[in-house]
């Protein structure tokens, strides 16, 4: 069968309201996860710096 007749179904292909996800949705999702990762690493770095500051006292 041709790919157009039988679209590959995956977790990210459709949104609960039945709309098909576009590239824009995918980009938003990757940006969101990158932002979360940055926030997580930034917080960890702050904690490490605080620990270093306490060690120096």
N, C-alpha and C. Protein backbone atom coordinates (compact mmCIF):
# COMPACT_ATOMS: atom_id res chain seq x y z
N UNK A 1 0.83 -1.20 0.00
CA UNK A 1 0.00 0.00 0.00
C UNK A 1 0.87 1.26 0.00
N UNK A 2 0.32 2.28 -0.59
CA UNK A 2 1.09 3.52 -0.62
C UNK A 2 1.00 4.23 0.74
N UNK A 3 2.02 4.98 1.07
CA UNK A 3 2.04 5.66 2.38
C UNK A 3 0.87 6.64 2.56
N UNK A 4 0.37 7.20 1.45
CA UNK A 4 -0.73 8.16 1.56
C UNK A 4 -2.03 7.46 1.95
N UNK A 5 -2.21 6.22 1.47
CA UNK A 5 -3.43 5.48 1.79
C UNK A 5 -3.39 4.95 3.22
N UNK A 6 -2.20 4.61 3.67
CA UNK A 6 -2.05 3.98 4.98
C UNK A 6 -1.06 4.78 5.82
N UNK A 7 -1.50 5.93 6.36
CA UNK A 7 -0.55 6.77 7.11
C UNK A 7 -0.03 6.07 8.36
N UNK A 8 1.23 6.29 8.64
CA UNK A 8 1.84 5.68 9.82
C UNK A 8 1.25 6.33 11.07
N UNK A 9 0.73 5.53 11.94
CA UNK A 9 0.14 6.06 13.17
C UNK A 9 1.20 6.07 14.25
N UNK A 10 1.38 7.17 14.87
CA UNK A 10 2.27 7.19 16.01
C UNK A 10 1.69 8.13 17.06
N UNK A 11 2.30 8.12 18.20
CA UNK A 11 1.82 8.86 19.36
C UNK A 11 1.58 10.34 19.06
N UNK A 12 2.43 10.93 18.21
CA UNK A 12 2.36 12.38 18.01
C UNK A 12 1.58 12.78 16.76
N UNK A 13 1.03 11.80 16.02
CA UNK A 13 0.38 12.14 14.76
C UNK A 13 -0.98 12.82 14.92
N UNK A 14 -1.67 12.54 16.01
CA UNK A 14 -2.96 13.19 16.16
C UNK A 14 -3.15 13.74 17.57
N UNK A 15 -3.94 14.77 17.64
CA UNK A 15 -4.24 15.45 18.89
C UNK A 15 -5.64 14.97 19.30
N UNK A 16 -5.95 14.88 20.59
CA UNK A 16 -7.26 14.37 21.02
C UNK A 16 -8.48 14.89 20.27
N UNK A 17 -8.46 16.16 19.82
CA UNK A 17 -9.64 16.67 19.11
C UNK A 17 -9.72 16.18 17.66
N UNK A 18 -8.81 15.28 17.27
CA UNK A 18 -8.89 14.67 15.94
C UNK A 18 -8.08 15.39 14.88
N UNK A 19 -7.47 16.52 15.25
CA UNK A 19 -6.68 17.29 14.29
C UNK A 19 -5.33 16.59 14.10
N UNK A 20 -4.85 16.58 12.88
CA UNK A 20 -3.54 15.97 12.60
C UNK A 20 -2.46 16.97 12.99
N UNK A 21 -1.41 16.49 13.61
CA UNK A 21 -0.32 17.38 14.01
C UNK A 21 0.48 17.83 12.80
N UNK A 22 0.82 19.08 12.80
CA UNK A 22 1.63 19.65 11.73
C UNK A 22 3.07 19.80 12.24
N UNK A 23 3.95 20.22 11.34
CA UNK A 23 5.35 20.44 11.73
C UNK A 23 5.46 21.49 12.83
N UNK A 24 4.55 22.48 12.77
CA UNK A 24 4.55 23.55 13.77
C UNK A 24 4.35 22.97 15.17
N UNK A 25 3.41 22.02 15.29
CA UNK A 25 3.17 21.38 16.59
C UNK A 25 4.39 20.63 17.07
N UNK A 26 5.06 19.96 16.15
CA UNK A 26 6.27 19.22 16.51
C UNK A 26 7.36 20.17 16.99
N UNK A 27 7.52 21.29 16.27
CA UNK A 27 8.53 22.27 16.66
C UNK A 27 8.24 22.82 18.05
N UNK A 28 6.95 23.11 18.30
CA UNK A 28 6.57 23.63 19.62
C UNK A 28 6.91 22.62 20.70
N UNK A 29 6.67 21.34 20.41
CA UNK A 29 6.93 20.31 21.40
C UNK A 29 8.42 20.20 21.71
N UNK A 30 9.25 20.26 20.65
CA UNK A 30 10.70 20.15 20.88
C UNK A 30 11.21 21.39 21.62
N UNK A 31 10.66 22.56 21.27
CA UNK A 31 11.08 23.78 21.96
C UNK A 31 10.72 23.70 23.44
N UNK A 32 9.52 23.18 23.71
CA UNK A 32 9.06 23.06 25.09
C UNK A 32 9.98 22.15 25.89
N UNK A 33 10.34 21.01 25.30
CA UNK A 33 11.21 20.07 26.03
C UNK A 33 12.61 20.65 26.21
N UNK A 34 13.09 21.39 25.20
CA UNK A 34 14.41 22.02 25.33
C UNK A 34 14.40 23.05 26.45
N UNK A 35 13.30 23.83 26.51
CA UNK A 35 13.17 24.84 27.55
C UNK A 35 13.18 24.21 28.94
N UNK A 36 12.46 23.09 29.08
CA UNK A 36 12.44 22.38 30.36
C UNK A 36 13.82 21.88 30.73
N UNK A 37 14.54 21.36 29.74
CA UNK A 37 15.88 20.84 29.98
C UNK A 37 16.81 21.96 30.43
N UNK A 38 16.71 23.11 29.77
CA UNK A 38 17.54 24.26 30.12
C UNK A 38 17.25 24.70 31.55
N UNK A 39 15.96 24.77 31.90
CA UNK A 39 15.59 25.18 33.25
C UNK A 39 16.15 24.21 34.29
N UNK A 40 16.04 22.91 33.98
CA UNK A 40 16.52 21.88 34.89
C UNK A 40 18.03 22.00 35.11
N UNK A 41 18.78 22.16 34.01
CA UNK A 41 20.24 22.24 34.13
C UNK A 41 20.66 23.53 34.82
N UNK A 42 19.92 24.61 34.54
CA UNK A 42 20.25 25.90 35.17
C UNK A 42 20.07 25.82 36.68
N UNK A 43 18.97 25.19 37.10
CA UNK A 43 18.72 25.03 38.54
C UNK A 43 19.81 24.18 39.19
N UNK A 44 20.21 23.12 38.49
CA UNK A 44 21.25 22.24 39.03
C UNK A 44 22.56 23.01 39.17
N UNK A 45 22.87 23.83 38.17
CA UNK A 45 24.11 24.61 38.20
C UNK A 45 24.09 25.58 39.38
N UNK A 46 22.93 26.22 39.61
CA UNK A 46 22.82 27.15 40.74
C UNK A 46 23.05 26.43 42.06
N UNK A 47 22.51 25.23 42.18
CA UNK A 47 22.68 24.44 43.40
C UNK A 47 24.15 24.09 43.61
N UNK A 48 24.83 23.74 42.51
CA UNK A 48 26.26 23.40 42.60
C UNK A 48 27.08 24.61 43.03
N UNK A 49 26.74 25.78 42.46
CA UNK A 49 27.47 27.00 42.82
C UNK A 49 27.25 27.35 44.29
N UNK A 50 26.02 27.16 44.77
CA UNK A 50 25.70 27.44 46.17
C UNK A 50 26.49 26.49 47.08
N UNK A 51 26.57 25.23 46.68
CA UNK A 51 27.31 24.24 47.47
C UNK A 51 28.79 24.61 47.51
N UNK A 52 29.33 25.05 46.37
CA UNK A 52 30.74 25.46 46.33
C UNK A 52 30.97 26.66 47.24
N UNK A 53 30.04 27.60 47.21
CA UNK A 53 30.14 28.79 48.06
C UNK A 53 30.16 28.42 49.53
N UNK A 54 29.33 27.46 49.91
CA UNK A 54 29.29 27.02 51.31
C UNK A 54 30.58 26.31 51.70
N UNK A 55 31.15 25.55 50.76
CA UNK A 55 32.40 24.83 51.04
C UNK A 55 33.55 25.80 51.28
N UNK A 56 33.51 26.94 50.58
CA UNK A 56 34.61 27.89 50.70
C UNK A 56 34.57 28.65 52.02
N UNK A 57 33.42 28.70 52.66
CA UNK A 57 33.30 29.44 53.94
C UNK A 57 34.09 28.79 55.05
